Structure formats: C-alpha cells, structure tokens
Amino acid sequence: MTFITVSRKIIAITYTLQSSGTNTIPTRETMMRACSNDDGLATLVLLRHGQSTWNARPTFTGWCDAPLTERGVTEAMSSGSLLLERDLGRFDVAYTSMLQRAIITCELALENAGSSETRIEKV
C-alpha cells in the first residue's frame, strides 16, 4: 500500500489498481479485501496536507512553505486515526513533497495510523 499526501481536504481517497491496469473506485468491501490478502491488488491513499496558515487566510500558497495551523495538525492526526479505524494503516512507503506542511502531515498521519515505521520518500 502506498500513502501520498496530496488531495483537497483531509479525506483519504483510495483507489484499487487491478493488475489488469483498470482503475476503479472501490467499495469498502473491496478495499478491505485488498488490505487483507495478496491477490495482486494494491491500495493507493491520497491525502492533502492539513490546513496551513495561508489556507486559513485564504491565500493561495503554491510553493511557499507555510506551516500548519493547530487545526491542520489536528486534521493530520485525525486522518491517521481514520486510516487505522478503516484498517488502512499498513503502508509499504509514503511519498510527500519537500514542503514542511506536507512532511508533518505525512508523519502525523502515519503515526496516528500506527505506521510510524513506514519509510517516507520526500520528492
């Protein structure tokens, strides 16, 4: 399973990629089956960083390395708890941008998902 911090809000968006190359938006049952056995399916979780100081204004942040707000930290931790609750807390690798808001979100989400040992690749 791969974890990437990129989507719009702190919502885990999961796609099951079938070995045939077709992409589907899975049901909860499909996601759970993909996590519980080795049938050739992979699960991709996309997660946007928590609220930054510039998001709170609201101002376009772009590549400015705006820090997370208190709310952003809470959102990151909650997203990890949600992943754990849905039995989606085991990851092979996590990819995040070099921006601190994304790195911190990734670390907090993984920690709260019970997956703090997951390797994080900063790209």
PDB file of N, CA and C in Angstrom:
ATOM      1  N   MET A   1       0.848  -1.165   0.000  1.00  0.00           N
ATOM      2  CA  MET A   1       0.000   0.000   0.000  1.00  0.00           C
ATOM      3  C   MET A   1       0.899   1.235   0.000  1.00  0.00           C
ATOM      4  N   THR A   2       0.538   2.235  -0.752  1.00  0.00           N
ATOM      5  CA  THR A   2       1.314   3.470  -0.843  1.00  0.00           C
ATOM      6  C   THR A   2       0.499   4.619  -0.270  1.00  0.00           C
ATOM      7  N   PHE A   3       1.137   5.509   0.423  1.00  0.00           N
ATOM      8  CA  PHE A   3       0.499   6.651   1.053  1.00  0.00           C
ATOM      9  C   PHE A   3       1.108   7.904   0.452  1.00  0.00           C
ATOM     10  N   ILE A   4       0.291   8.784  -0.077  1.00  0.00           N
ATOM     11  CA  ILE A   4       0.787  10.020  -0.672  1.00  0.00           C
ATOM     12  C   ILE A   4      -0.035  11.176  -0.117  1.00  0.00           C
ATOM     13  N   THR A   5       0.606  12.282   0.251  1.00  0.00           N
ATOM     14  CA  THR A   5      -0.134  13.430   0.780  1.00  0.00           C
ATOM     15  C   THR A   5      -0.380  14.422  -0.346  1.00  0.00           C
ATOM     16  N   VAL A   6      -1.603  14.425  -0.910  1.00  0.00           N
ATOM     17  CA  VAL A   6      -1.896  15.365  -1.996  1.00  0.00           C
ATOM     18  C   VAL A   6      -3.343  15.814  -2.188  1.00  0.00           C
ATOM     19  N   SER A   7      -4.359  15.172  -1.667  1.00  0.00           N
ATOM     20  CA  SER A   7      -5.739  15.502  -2.040  1.00  0.00           C
ATOM     21  C   SER A   7      -6.252  16.811  -1.424  1.00  0.00           C
ATOM     22  N   ARG A   8      -7.483  17.243  -1.747  1.00  0.00           N
ATOM     23  CA  ARG A   8      -8.014  18.566  -1.396  1.00  0.00           C
ATOM     24  C   ARG A   8      -8.224  18.784   0.103  1.00  0.00           C
ATOM     25  N   LYS A   9      -8.876  17.891   0.789  1.00  0.00           N
ATOM     26  CA  LYS A   9      -9.104  18.030   2.227  1.00  0.00           C
ATOM     27  C   LYS A   9      -8.579  16.792   2.925  1.00  0.00           C
ATOM     28  N   ILE A  10      -8.640  16.780   4.238  1.00  0.00           N
ATOM     29  CA  ILE A  10      -8.130  15.635   4.975  1.00  0.00           C
ATOM     30  C   ILE A  10      -9.151  14.508   4.883  1.00  0.00           C
ATOM     31  N   ILE A  11      -9.194  13.916   3.723  1.00  0.00           N
ATOM     32  CA  ILE A  11     -10.065  12.782   3.439  1.00  0.00           C
ATOM     33  C   ILE A  11      -9.206  11.766   2.717  1.00  0.00           C
ATOM     34  N   ALA A  12      -9.198  10.546   3.169  1.00  0.00           N
ATOM     35  CA  ALA A  12      -8.431   9.511   2.477  1.00  0.00           C
ATOM     36  C   ALA A  12      -9.214   9.085   1.250  1.00  0.00           C
ATOM     37  N   ILE A  13      -8.624   9.242   0.082  1.00  0.00           N
ATOM     38  CA  ILE A  13      -9.247   8.822  -1.162  1.00  0.00           C
ATOM     39  C   ILE A  13      -8.473   7.605  -1.624  1.00  0.00           C
ATOM     40  N   THR A  14      -9.125   6.477  -1.697  1.00  0.00           N
ATOM     41  CA  THR A  14      -8.419   5.253  -2.053  1.00  0.00           C
ATOM     42  C   THR A  14      -8.895   4.733  -3.387  1.00  0.00           C
ATOM     43  N   TYR A  15      -7.955   4.269  -4.169  1.00  0.00           N
ATOM     44  CA  TYR A  15      -8.244   3.647  -5.449  1.00  0.00           C
ATOM     45  C   TYR A  15      -7.611   2.269  -5.446  1.00  0.00           C
ATOM     46  N   THR A  16      -8.306   1.286  -5.912  1.00  0.00           N
ATOM     47  CA  THR A  16      -7.751  -0.042  -6.039  1.00  0.00           C
ATOM     48  C   THR A  16      -7.300  -0.193  -7.476  1.00  0.00           C
ATOM     49  N   LEU A  17      -6.024  -0.483  -7.675  1.00  0.00           N
ATOM     50  CA  LEU A  17      -5.469  -0.653  -9.003  1.00  0.00           C
ATOM     51  C   LEU A  17      -5.369  -2.133  -9.281  1.00  0.00           C
ATOM     52  N   GLN A  18      -6.148  -2.603 -10.223  1.00  0.00           N
ATOM     53  CA  GLN A  18      -6.140  -4.018 -10.535  1.00  0.00           C
ATOM     54  C   GLN A  18      -4.969  -4.317 -11.455  1.00  0.00           C
ATOM     55  N   SER A  19      -4.459  -5.535 -11.376  1.00  0.00           N
ATOM     56  CA  SER A  19      -3.305  -5.921 -12.177  1.00  0.00           C
ATOM     57  C   SER A  19      -3.587  -5.831 -13.669  1.00  0.00           C
ATOM     58  N   SER A  20      -4.872  -5.817 -14.066  1.00  0.00           N
ATOM     59  CA  SER A  20      -5.220  -5.687 -15.478  1.00  0.00           C
ATOM     60  C   SER A  20      -5.014  -4.267 -15.975  1.00  0.00           C
ATOM     61  N   GLY A  21      -4.736  -3.337 -15.060  1.00  0.00           N
ATOM     62  CA  GLY A  21      -4.481  -1.962 -15.446  1.00  0.00           C
ATOM     63  C   GLY A  21      -5.714  -1.075 -15.378  1.00  0.00           C
ATOM     64  N   THR A  22      -6.873  -1.617 -15.032  1.00  0.00           N
ATOM     65  CA  THR A  22      -8.071  -0.794 -14.940  1.00  0.00           C
ATOM     66  C   THR A  22      -8.175  -0.196 -13.545  1.00  0.00           C
ATOM     67  N   ASN A  23      -8.632   1.029 -13.478  1.00  0.00           N
ATOM     68  CA  ASN A  23      -8.788   1.714 -12.197  1.00  0.00           C
ATOM     69  C   ASN A  23     -10.260   1.743 -11.828  1.00  0.00           C
ATOM     70  N   THR A  24     -10.576   1.448 -10.588  1.00  0.00           N
ATOM     71  CA  THR A  24     -11.950   1.506 -10.121  1.00  0.00           C
ATOM     72  C   THR A  24     -11.986   2.216  -8.788  1.00  0.00           C
ATOM     73  N   ILE A  25     -13.085   2.866  -8.499  1.00  0.00           N
ATOM     74  CA  ILE A  25     -13.275   3.414  -7.158  1.00  0.00           C
ATOM     75  C   ILE A  25     -13.948   2.303  -6.378  1.00  0.00           C
ATOM     76  N   PRO A  26     -13.255   1.733  -5.406  1.00  0.00           N
ATOM     77  CA  PRO A  26     -13.736   0.508  -4.760  1.00  0.00           C
ATOM     78  C   PRO A  26     -14.802   0.749  -3.707  1.00  0.00           C
ATOM     79  N   THR A  27     -15.544  -0.290  -3.428  1.00  0.00           N
ATOM     80  CA  THR A  27     -16.436  -0.290  -2.286  1.00  0.00           C
ATOM     81  C   THR A  27     -15.582  -0.537  -1.045  1.00  0.00           C
ATOM     82  N   ARG A  28     -16.158  -0.332   0.107  1.00  0.00           N
ATOM     83  CA  ARG A  28     -15.434  -0.596   1.357  1.00  0.00           C
ATOM     84  C   ARG A  28     -15.001  -2.063   1.411  1.00  0.00           C
ATOM     85  N   GLU A  29     -15.868  -2.957   0.954  1.00  0.00           N
ATOM     86  CA  GLU A  29     -15.549  -4.388   0.973  1.00  0.00           C
ATOM     87  C   GLU A  29     -14.332  -4.684   0.088  1.00  0.00           C
ATOM     88  N   THR A  30     -14.287  -4.051  -1.065  1.00  0.00           N
ATOM     89  CA  THR A  30     -13.161  -4.249  -1.980  1.00  0.00           C
ATOM     90  C   THR A  30     -11.869  -3.747  -1.343  1.00  0.00           C
ATOM     91  N   MET A  31     -11.945  -2.581  -0.679  1.00  0.00           N
ATOM     92  CA  MET A  31     -10.751  -2.039  -0.031  1.00  0.00           C
ATOM     93  C   MET A  31     -10.268  -2.964   1.073  1.00  0.00           C
ATOM     94  N   MET A  32     -11.193  -3.467   1.877  1.00  0.00           N
ATOM     95  CA  MET A  32     -10.804  -4.336   2.979  1.00  0.00           C
ATOM     96  C   MET A  32     -10.193  -5.632   2.447  1.00  0.00           C
ATOM     97  N   ARG A  33     -10.760  -6.169   1.375  1.00  0.00           N
ATOM     98  CA  ARG A  33     -10.226  -7.389   0.781  1.00  0.00           C
ATOM     99  C   ARG A  33      -8.809  -7.134   0.251  1.00  0.00           C
ATOM    100  N   ALA A  34      -8.593  -5.980  -0.358  1.00  0.00           N
ATOM    101  CA  ALA A  34      -7.272  -5.648  -0.899  1.00  0.00           C
ATOM    102  C   ALA A  34      -6.240  -5.539   0.214  1.00  0.00           C
ATOM    103  N   CYS A  35      -6.671  -5.085   1.382  1.00  0.00           N
ATOM    104  CA  CYS A  35      -5.744  -4.932   2.510  1.00  0.00           C
ATOM    105  C   CYS A  35      -5.490  -6.244   3.232  1.00  0.00           C
ATOM    106  N   SER A  36      -6.387  -7.206   3.082  1.00  0.00           N
ATOM    107  CA  SER A  36      -6.288  -8.398   3.906  1.00  0.00           C
ATOM    108  C   SER A  36      -5.687  -9.603   3.201  1.00  0.00           C
ATOM    109  N   ASN A  37      -5.426  -9.506   1.917  1.00  0.00           N
ATOM    110  CA  ASN A  37      -4.818 -10.649   1.238  1.00  0.00           C
ATOM    111  C   ASN A  37      -3.902 -10.185   0.120  1.00  0.00           C
ATOM    112  N   ASP A  38      -3.204 -11.105  -0.480  1.00  0.00           N
ATOM    113  CA  ASP A  38      -2.253 -10.782  -1.532  1.00  0.00           C
ATOM    114  C   ASP A  38      -2.774 -11.305  -2.864  1.00  0.00           C
ATOM    115  N   ASP A  39      -3.824 -10.644  -3.377  1.00  0.00           N
ATOM    116  CA  ASP A  39      -4.446 -11.106  -4.613  1.00  0.00           C
ATOM    117  C   ASP A  39      -4.070 -10.253  -5.818  1.00  0.00           C
ATOM    118  N   GLY A  40      -2.947  -9.547  -5.724  1.00  0.00           N
ATOM    119  CA  GLY A  40      -2.483  -8.747  -6.846  1.00  0.00           C
ATOM    120  C   GLY A  40      -3.024  -7.329  -6.865  1.00  0.00           C
ATOM    121  N   LEU A  41      -3.846  -6.961  -5.884  1.00  0.00           N
ATOM    122  CA  LEU A  41      -4.377  -5.611  -5.822  1.00  0.00           C
ATOM    123  C   LEU A  41      -3.491  -4.750  -4.930  1.00  0.00           C
ATOM    124  N   ALA A  42      -3.418  -3.480  -5.261  1.00  0.00           N
ATOM    125  CA  ALA A  42      -2.687  -2.525  -4.431  1.00  0.00           C
ATOM    126  C   ALA A  42      -3.647  -1.417  -4.046  1.00  0.00           C
ATOM    127  N   THR A  43      -3.411  -0.788  -2.919  1.00  0.00           N
ATOM    128  CA  THR A  43      -4.249   0.323  -2.476  1.00  0.00           C
ATOM    129  C   THR A  43      -3.395   1.578  -2.423  1.00  0.00           C
ATOM    130  N   LEU A  44      -3.912   2.636  -3.017  1.00  0.00           N
ATOM    131  CA  LEU A  44      -3.249   3.929  -3.036  1.00  0.00           C
ATOM    132  C   LEU A  44      -4.086   4.893  -2.219  1.00  0.00           C
ATOM    133  N   VAL A  45      -3.489   5.536  -1.224  1.00  0.00           N
ATOM    134  CA  VAL A  45      -4.185   6.507  -0.392  1.00  0.00           C
ATOM    135  C   VAL A  45      -3.605   7.883  -0.705  1.00  0.00           C
ATOM    136  N   LEU A  46      -4.479   8.817  -1.090  1.00  0.00           N
ATOM    137  CA  LEU A  46      -4.066  10.191  -1.374  1.00  0.00           C
ATOM    138  C   LEU A  46      -4.587  11.081  -0.260  1.00  0.00           C
ATOM    139  N   LEU A  47      -3.726  11.920   0.279  1.00  0.00           N
ATOM    140  CA  LEU A  47      -4.103  12.752   1.416  1.00  0.00           C
ATOM    141  C   LEU A  47      -3.448  14.107   1.279  1.00  0.00           C
ATOM    142  N   ARG A  48      -4.246  15.162   1.306  1.00  0.00           N
ATOM    143  CA  ARG A  48      -3.702  16.514   1.233  1.00  0.00           C
ATOM    144  C   ARG A  48      -3.194  16.915   2.615  1.00  0.00           C
ATOM    145  N   HIS A  49      -2.261  17.851   2.634  1.00  0.00           N
ATOM    146  CA  HIS A  49      -1.749  18.359   3.912  1.00  0.00           C
ATOM    147  C   HIS A  49      -2.878  19.013   4.700  1.00  0.00           C
ATOM    148  N   GLY A  50      -2.668  19.104   6.001  1.00  0.00           N
ATOM    149  CA  GLY A  50      -3.634  19.787   6.853  1.00  0.00           C
ATOM    150  C   GLY A  50      -3.643  21.280   6.562  1.00  0.00           C
ATOM    151  N   GLN A  51      -4.578  21.986   7.170  1.00  0.00           N
ATOM    152  CA  GLN A  51      -4.701  23.423   6.936  1.00  0.00           C
ATOM    153  C   GLN A  51      -3.402  24.148   7.275  1.00  0.00           C
ATOM    154  N   SER A  52      -2.953  25.002   6.344  1.00  0.00           N
ATOM    155  CA  SER A  52      -1.757  25.813   6.596  1.00  0.00           C
ATOM    156  C   SER A  52      -2.190  27.221   6.999  1.00  0.00           C
ATOM    157  N   THR A  53      -1.242  28.014   7.461  1.00  0.00           N
ATOM    158  CA  THR A  53      -1.559  29.392   7.856  1.00  0.00           C
ATOM    159  C   THR A  53      -2.113  30.178   6.672  1.00  0.00           C
ATOM    160  N   TRP A  54      -1.622  29.904   5.475  1.00  0.00           N
ATOM    161  CA  TRP A  54      -2.116  30.615   4.292  1.00  0.00           C
ATOM    162  C   TRP A  54      -3.484  30.108   3.878  1.00  0.00           C
ATOM    163  N   ASN A  55      -3.767  28.810   4.062  1.00  0.00           N
ATOM    164  CA  ASN A  55      -5.105  28.280   3.768  1.00  0.00           C
ATOM    165  C   ASN A  55      -6.135  28.965   4.665  1.00  0.00           C
ATOM    166  N   ALA A  56      -5.755  29.287   5.889  1.00  0.00           N
ATOM    167  CA  ALA A  56      -6.666  29.883   6.856  1.00  0.00           C
ATOM    168  C   ALA A  56      -7.037  31.315   6.474  1.00  0.00           C
ATOM    169  N   ARG A  57      -6.234  31.990   5.647  1.00  0.00           N
ATOM    170  CA  ARG A  57      -6.478  33.408   5.316  1.00  0.00           C
ATOM    171  C   ARG A  57      -7.702  33.673   4.457  1.00  0.00           C
ATOM    172  N   PRO A  58      -8.091  33.132   3.415  1.00  0.00           N
ATOM    173  CA  PRO A  58      -7.476  32.176   2.499  1.00  0.00           C
ATOM    174  C   PRO A  58      -6.617  32.885   1.446  1.00  0.00           C
ATOM    175  N   THR A  59      -5.433  32.378   1.256  1.00  0.00           N
ATOM    176  CA  THR A  59      -4.486  32.880   0.265  1.00  0.00           C
ATOM    177  C   THR A  59      -3.874  31.689  -0.443  1.00  0.00           C
ATOM    178  N   PHE A  60      -3.656  31.810  -1.749  1.00  0.00           N
ATOM    179  CA  PHE A  60      -3.008  30.732  -2.493  1.00  0.00           C
ATOM    180  C   PHE A  60      -1.595  30.551  -1.956  1.00  0.00           C
ATOM    181  N   THR A  61      -1.248  29.331  -1.618  1.00  0.00           N
ATOM    182  CA  THR A  61       0.040  29.038  -1.005  1.00  0.00           C
ATOM    183  C   THR A  61       1.100  28.705  -2.033  1.00  0.00           C
ATOM    184  N   GLY A  62       0.751  27.880  -3.015  1.00  0.00           N
ATOM    185  CA  GLY A  62       1.754  27.470  -4.004  1.00  0.00           C
ATOM    186  C   GLY A  62       2.920  26.783  -3.337  1.00  0.00           C
ATOM    187  N   TRP A  63       4.117  27.167  -3.733  1.00  0.00           N
ATOM    188  CA  TRP A  63       5.320  26.532  -3.196  1.00  0.00           C
ATOM    189  C   TRP A  63       5.867  27.215  -1.951  1.00  0.00           C
ATOM    190  N   CYS A  64       5.178  28.263  -1.465  1.00  0.00           N
ATOM    191  CA  CYS A  64       5.597  28.888  -0.217  1.00  0.00           C
ATOM    192  C   CYS A  64       5.439  27.855   0.897  1.00  0.00           C
ATOM    193  N   ASP A  65       6.420  27.732   1.748  1.00  0.00           N
ATOM    194  CA  ASP A  65       6.409  26.689   2.778  1.00  0.00           C
ATOM    195  C   ASP A  65       5.682  27.163   4.038  1.00  0.00           C
ATOM    196  N   ALA A  66       4.379  27.440   3.892  1.00  0.00           N
ATOM    197  CA  ALA A  66       3.568  27.899   5.020  1.00  0.00           C
ATOM    198  C   ALA A  66       3.367  26.757   6.013  1.00  0.00           C
ATOM    199  N   PRO A  67       3.513  27.027   7.306  1.00  0.00           N
ATOM    200  CA  PRO A  67       3.352  25.971   8.317  1.00  0.00           C
ATOM    201  C   PRO A  67       1.891  25.602   8.536  1.00  0.00           C
ATOM    202  N   LEU A  68       1.676  24.465   9.184  1.00  0.00           N
ATOM    203  CA  LEU A  68       0.335  24.033   9.549  1.00  0.00           C
ATOM    204  C   LEU A  68      -0.197  24.881  10.690  1.00  0.00           C
ATOM    205  N   THR A  69      -1.503  25.083  10.700  1.00  0.00           N
ATOM    206  CA  THR A  69      -2.164  25.701  11.846  1.00  0.00           C
ATOM    207  C   THR A  69      -2.432  24.601  12.874  1.00  0.00           C
ATOM    208  N   GLU A  70      -2.948  24.996  14.041  1.00  0.00           N
ATOM    209  CA  GLU A  70      -3.359  23.987  15.031  1.00  0.00           C
ATOM    210  C   GLU A  70      -4.405  23.059  14.431  1.00  0.00           C
ATOM    211  N   ARG A  71      -5.325  23.662  13.670  1.00  0.00           N
ATOM    212  CA  ARG A  71      -6.361  22.868  13.005  1.00  0.00           C
ATOM    213  C   ARG A  71      -5.732  21.882  12.021  1.00  0.00           C
ATOM    214  N   GLY A  72      -4.698  22.322  11.290  1.00  0.00           N
ATOM    215  CA  GLY A  72      -4.016  21.455  10.327  1.00  0.00           C
ATOM    216  C   GLY A  72      -3.357  20.258  11.005  1.00  0.00           C
ATOM    217  N   VAL A  73      -2.777  20.483  12.166  1.00  0.00           N
ATOM    218  CA  VAL A  73      -2.163  19.389  12.939  1.00  0.00           C
ATOM    219  C   VAL A  73      -3.240  18.401  13.376  1.00  0.00           C
ATOM    220  N   THR A  74      -4.362  18.923  13.862  1.00  0.00           N
ATOM    221  CA  THR A  74      -5.478  18.070  14.284  1.00  0.00           C
ATOM    222  C   THR A  74      -6.023  17.280  13.094  1.00  0.00           C
ATOM    223  N   GLU A  75      -6.162  17.926  11.932  1.00  0.00           N
ATOM    224  CA  GLU A  75      -6.638  17.242  10.730  1.00  0.00           C
ATOM    225  C   GLU A  75      -5.704  16.098  10.336  1.00  0.00           C
ATOM    226  N   ALA A  76      -4.412  16.344  10.411  1.00  0.00           N
ATOM    227  CA  ALA A  76      -3.433  15.305  10.054  1.00  0.00           C
ATOM    228  C   ALA A  76      -3.541  14.111  10.994  1.00  0.00           C
ATOM    229  N   MET A  77      -3.641  14.382  12.279  1.00  0.00           N
ATOM    230  CA  MET A  77      -3.756  13.295  13.257  1.00  0.00           C
ATOM    231  C   MET A  77      -5.074  12.540  13.067  1.00  0.00           C
ATOM    232  N   SER A  78      -6.148  13.256  12.824  1.00  0.00           N
ATOM    233  CA  SER A  78      -7.458  12.631  12.612  1.00  0.00           C
ATOM    234  C   SER A  78      -7.464  11.751  11.373  1.00  0.00           C
ATOM    235  N   SER A  79      -6.768  12.196  10.330  1.00  0.00           N
ATOM    236  CA  SER A  79      -6.727  11.380   9.107  1.00  0.00           C
ATOM    237  C   SER A  79      -6.020  10.055   9.371  1.00  0.00           C
ATOM    238  N   GLY A  80      -4.963  10.071  10.165  1.00  0.00           N
ATOM    239  CA  GLY A  80      -4.276   8.834  10.519  1.00  0.00           C
ATOM    240  C   GLY A  80      -5.166   7.915  11.336  1.00  0.00           C
ATOM    241  N   SER A  81      -5.902   8.497  12.283  1.00  0.00           N
ATOM    242  CA  SER A  81      -6.828   7.703  13.093  1.00  0.00           C
ATOM    243  C   SER A  81      -7.912   7.081  12.223  1.00  0.00           C
ATOM    244  N   LEU A  82      -8.390   7.835  11.235  1.00  0.00           N
ATOM    245  CA  LEU A  82      -9.407   7.318  10.317  1.00  0.00           C
ATOM    246  C   LEU A  82      -8.858   6.156   9.487  1.00  0.00           C
ATOM    247  N   LEU A  83      -7.620   6.279   9.030  1.00  0.00           N
ATOM    248  CA  LEU A  83      -6.999   5.183   8.278  1.00  0.00           C
ATOM    249  C   LEU A  83      -6.882   3.934   9.141  1.00  0.00           C
ATOM    250  N   LEU A  84      -6.476   4.111  10.393  1.00  0.00           N
ATOM    251  CA  LEU A  84      -6.365   2.980  11.319  1.00  0.00           C
ATOM    252  C   LEU A  84      -7.731   2.348  11.569  1.00  0.00           C
ATOM    253  N   GLU A  85      -8.727   3.182  11.795  1.00  0.00           N
ATOM    254  CA  GLU A  85     -10.093   2.709  12.045  1.00  0.00           C
ATOM    255  C   GLU A  85     -10.623   1.889  10.863  1.00  0.00           C
ATOM    256  N   ARG A  86     -10.233   2.277   9.662  1.00  0.00           N
ATOM    257  CA  ARG A  86     -10.700   1.576   8.454  1.00  0.00           C
ATOM    258  C   ARG A  86      -9.755   0.447   8.050  1.00  0.00           C
ATOM    259  N   ASP A  87      -8.814   0.120   8.932  1.00  0.00           N
ATOM    260  CA  ASP A  87      -7.833  -0.943   8.686  1.00  0.00           C
ATOM    261  C   ASP A  87      -6.998  -0.664   7.435  1.00  0.00           C
ATOM    262  N   LEU A  88      -6.648   0.606   7.250  1.00  0.00           N
ATOM    263  CA  LEU A  88      -5.817   1.015   6.121  1.00  0.00           C
ATOM    264  C   LEU A  88      -4.520   1.638   6.627  1.00  0.00           C
ATOM    265  N   GLY A  89      -4.008   1.160   7.738  1.00  0.00           N
ATOM    266  CA  GLY A  89      -2.856   1.781   8.366  1.00  0.00           C
ATOM    267  C   GLY A  89      -1.511   1.161   8.047  1.00  0.00           C
ATOM    268  N   ARG A  90      -1.480   0.140   7.194  1.00  0.00           N
ATOM    269  CA  ARG A  90      -0.202  -0.508   6.868  1.00  0.00           C
ATOM    270  C   ARG A  90       0.273  -0.024   5.499  1.00  0.00           C
ATOM    271  N   PHE A  91       1.465   0.555   5.453  1.00  0.00           N
ATOM    272  CA  PHE A  91       1.985   1.109   4.206  1.00  0.00           C
ATOM    273  C   PHE A  91       3.375   0.586   3.910  1.00  0.00           C
ATOM    274  N   ASP A  92       3.646   0.390   2.640  1.00  0.00           N
ATOM    275  CA  ASP A  92       4.982  -0.013   2.199  1.00  0.00           C
ATOM    276  C   ASP A  92       5.905   1.193   2.153  1.00  0.00           C
ATOM    277  N   VAL A  93       5.385   2.306   1.664  1.00  0.00           N
ATOM    278  CA  VAL A  93       6.171   3.527   1.523  1.00  0.00           C
ATOM    279  C   VAL A  93       5.226   4.717   1.483  1.00  0.00           C
ATOM    280  N   ALA A  94       5.699   5.873   1.926  1.00  0.00           N
ATOM    281  CA  ALA A  94       4.929   7.117   1.861  1.00  0.00           C
ATOM    282  C   ALA A  94       5.739   8.135   1.061  1.00  0.00           C
ATOM    283  N   TYR A  95       5.081   8.822   0.152  1.00  0.00           N
ATOM    284  CA  TYR A  95       5.726   9.862  -0.646  1.00  0.00           C
ATOM    285  C   TYR A  95       5.111  11.197  -0.268  1.00  0.00           C
ATOM    286  N   THR A  96       5.950  12.195  -0.110  1.00  0.00           N
ATOM    287  CA  THR A  96       5.467  13.529   0.217  1.00  0.00           C
ATOM    288  C   THR A  96       6.382  14.555  -0.457  1.00  0.00           C
ATOM    289  N   SER A  97       5.873  15.775  -0.597  1.00  0.00           N
ATOM    290  CA  SER A  97       6.706  16.832  -1.163  1.00  0.00           C
ATOM    291  C   SER A  97       7.737  17.273  -0.130  1.00  0.00           C
ATOM    292  N   MET A  98       8.586  18.197  -0.495  1.00  0.00           N
ATOM    293  CA  MET A  98       9.621  18.707   0.400  1.00  0.00           C
ATOM    294  C   MET A  98       9.094  19.807   1.326  1.00  0.00           C
ATOM    295  N   LEU A  99       7.832  20.190   1.145  1.00  0.00           N
ATOM    296  CA  LEU A  99       7.257  21.249   1.969  1.00  0.00           C
ATOM    297  C   LEU A  99       6.942  20.725   3.365  1.00  0.00           C
ATOM    298  N   GLN A 100       7.257  21.523   4.382  1.00  0.00           N
ATOM    299  CA  GLN A 100       7.083  21.097   5.766  1.00  0.00           C
ATOM    300  C   GLN A 100       5.642  20.746   6.102  1.00  0.00           C
ATOM    301  N   ARG A 101       4.673  21.478   5.539  1.00  0.00           N
ATOM    302  CA  ARG A 101       3.267  21.179   5.850  1.00  0.00           C
ATOM    303  C   ARG A 101       2.891  19.779   5.373  1.00  0.00           C
ATOM    304  N   ALA A 102       3.453  19.352   4.249  1.00  0.00           N
ATOM    305  CA  ALA A 102       3.182  18.009   3.721  1.00  0.00           C
ATOM    306  C   ALA A 102       3.939  16.949   4.520  1.00  0.00           C
ATOM    307  N   ILE A 103       5.195  17.225   4.844  1.00  0.00           N
ATOM    308  CA  ILE A 103       6.012  16.276   5.610  1.00  0.00           C
ATOM    309  C   ILE A 103       5.403  16.038   6.990  1.00  0.00           C
ATOM    310  N   ILE A 104       5.040  17.106   7.669  1.00  0.00           N
ATOM    311  CA  ILE A 104       4.470  16.984   9.019  1.00  0.00           C
ATOM    312  C   ILE A 104       3.121  16.272   8.964  1.00  0.00           C
ATOM    313  N   THR A 105       2.293  16.610   7.971  1.00  0.00           N
ATOM    314  CA  THR A 105       1.015  15.910   7.813  1.00  0.00           C
ATOM    315  C   THR A 105       1.247  14.423   7.625  1.00  0.00           C
ATOM    316  N   CYS A 106       2.189  14.076   6.769  1.00  0.00           N
ATOM    317  CA  CYS A 106       2.503  12.680   6.489  1.00  0.00           C
ATOM    318  C   CYS A 106       2.959  11.971   7.767  1.00  0.00           C
ATOM    319  N   GLU A 107       3.889  12.563   8.481  1.00  0.00           N
ATOM    320  CA  GLU A 107       4.411  11.951   9.706  1.00  0.00           C
ATOM    321  C   GLU A 107       3.324  11.769  10.761  1.00  0.00           C
ATOM    322  N   LEU A 108       2.493  12.804  10.956  1.00  0.00           N
ATOM    323  CA  LEU A 108       1.428  12.714  11.964  1.00  0.00           C
ATOM    324  C   LEU A 108       0.369  11.687  11.571  1.00  0.00           C
ATOM    325  N   ALA A 109       0.006  11.665  10.296  1.00  0.00           N
ATOM    326  CA  ALA A 109      -0.999  10.696   9.837  1.00  0.00           C
ATOM    327  C   ALA A 109      -0.479   9.273  10.000  1.00  0.00           C
ATOM    328  N   LEU A 110       0.768   9.042   9.606  1.00  0.00           N
ATOM    329  CA  LEU A 110       1.337   7.701   9.740  1.00  0.00           C
ATOM    330  C   LEU A 110       1.439   7.288  11.202  1.00  0.00           C
ATOM    331  N   GLU A 111       1.871   8.207  12.052  1.00  0.00           N
ATOM    332  CA  GLU A 111       1.984   7.908  13.485  1.00  0.00           C
ATOM    333  C   GLU A 111       0.623   7.526  14.062  1.00  0.00           C
ATOM    334  N   ASN A 112      -0.416   8.272  13.705  1.00  0.00           N
ATOM    335  CA  ASN A 112      -1.753   8.002  14.234  1.00  0.00           C
ATOM    336  C   ASN A 112      -2.418   6.810  13.568  1.00  0.00           C
ATOM    337  N   ALA A 113      -1.876   6.368  12.440  1.00  0.00           N
ATOM    338  CA  ALA A 113      -2.372   5.159  11.776  1.00  0.00           C
ATOM    339  C   ALA A 113      -1.636   3.929  12.298  1.00  0.00           C
ATOM    340  N   GLY A 114      -0.701   4.138  13.226  1.00  0.00           N
ATOM    341  CA  GLY A 114       0.077   3.024  13.773  1.00  0.00           C
ATOM    342  C   GLY A 114       1.132   2.542  12.802  1.00  0.00           C
ATOM    343  N   SER A 115       1.604   3.448  11.944  1.00  0.00           N
ATOM    344  CA  SER A 115       2.543   3.075  10.891  1.00  0.00           C
ATOM    345  C   SER A 115       3.770   3.991  10.864  1.00  0.00           C
ATOM    346  N   SER A 116       4.209   4.412  12.044  1.00  0.00           N
ATOM    347  CA  SER A 116       5.316   5.374  12.107  1.00  0.00           C
ATOM    348  C   SER A 116       6.640   4.817  11.582  1.00  0.00           C
ATOM    349  N   GLU A 117       6.737   3.489  11.431  1.00  0.00           N
ATOM    350  CA  GLU A 117       7.967   2.886  10.884  1.00  0.00           C
ATOM    351  C   GLU A 117       8.011   2.932   9.358  1.00  0.00           C
ATOM    352  N   THR A 118       6.945   3.388   8.722  1.00  0.00           N
ATOM    353  CA  THR A 118       6.891   3.462   7.261  1.00  0.00           C
ATOM    354  C   THR A 118       7.956   4.406   6.717  1.00  0.00           C
ATOM    355  N   ARG A 119       8.660   3.952   5.693  1.00  0.00           N
ATOM    356  CA  ARG A 119       9.680   4.771   5.027  1.00  0.00           C
ATOM    357  C   ARG A 119       8.988   5.945   4.317  1.00  0.00           C
ATOM    358  N   ILE A 120       9.496   7.155   4.511  1.00  0.00           N
ATOM    359  CA  ILE A 120       8.933   8.349   3.863  1.00  0.00           C
ATOM    360  C   ILE A 120       9.925   8.845   2.826  1.00  0.00           C
ATOM    361  N   GLU A 121       9.477   8.927   1.587  1.00  0.00           N
ATOM    362  CA  GLU A 121      10.286   9.462   0.485  1.00  0.00           C
ATOM    363  C   GLU A 121       9.846  10.894   0.221  1.00  0.00           C
ATOM    364  N   LYS A 122      10.765  11.835   0.306  1.00  0.00           N
ATOM    365  CA  LYS A 122      10.458  13.236   0.045  1.00  0.00           C
ATOM    366  C   LYS A 122      10.865  13.554  -1.388  1.00  0.00           C
ATOM    367  N   VAL A 123       9.863  13.888  -2.199  1.00  0.00           N
ATOM    368  CA  VAL A 123      10.122  14.140  -3.624  1.00  0.00           C
ATOM    369  C   VAL A 123       9.658  15.508  -4.050  1.00  0.00           C
TER     370      VAL A 123
END
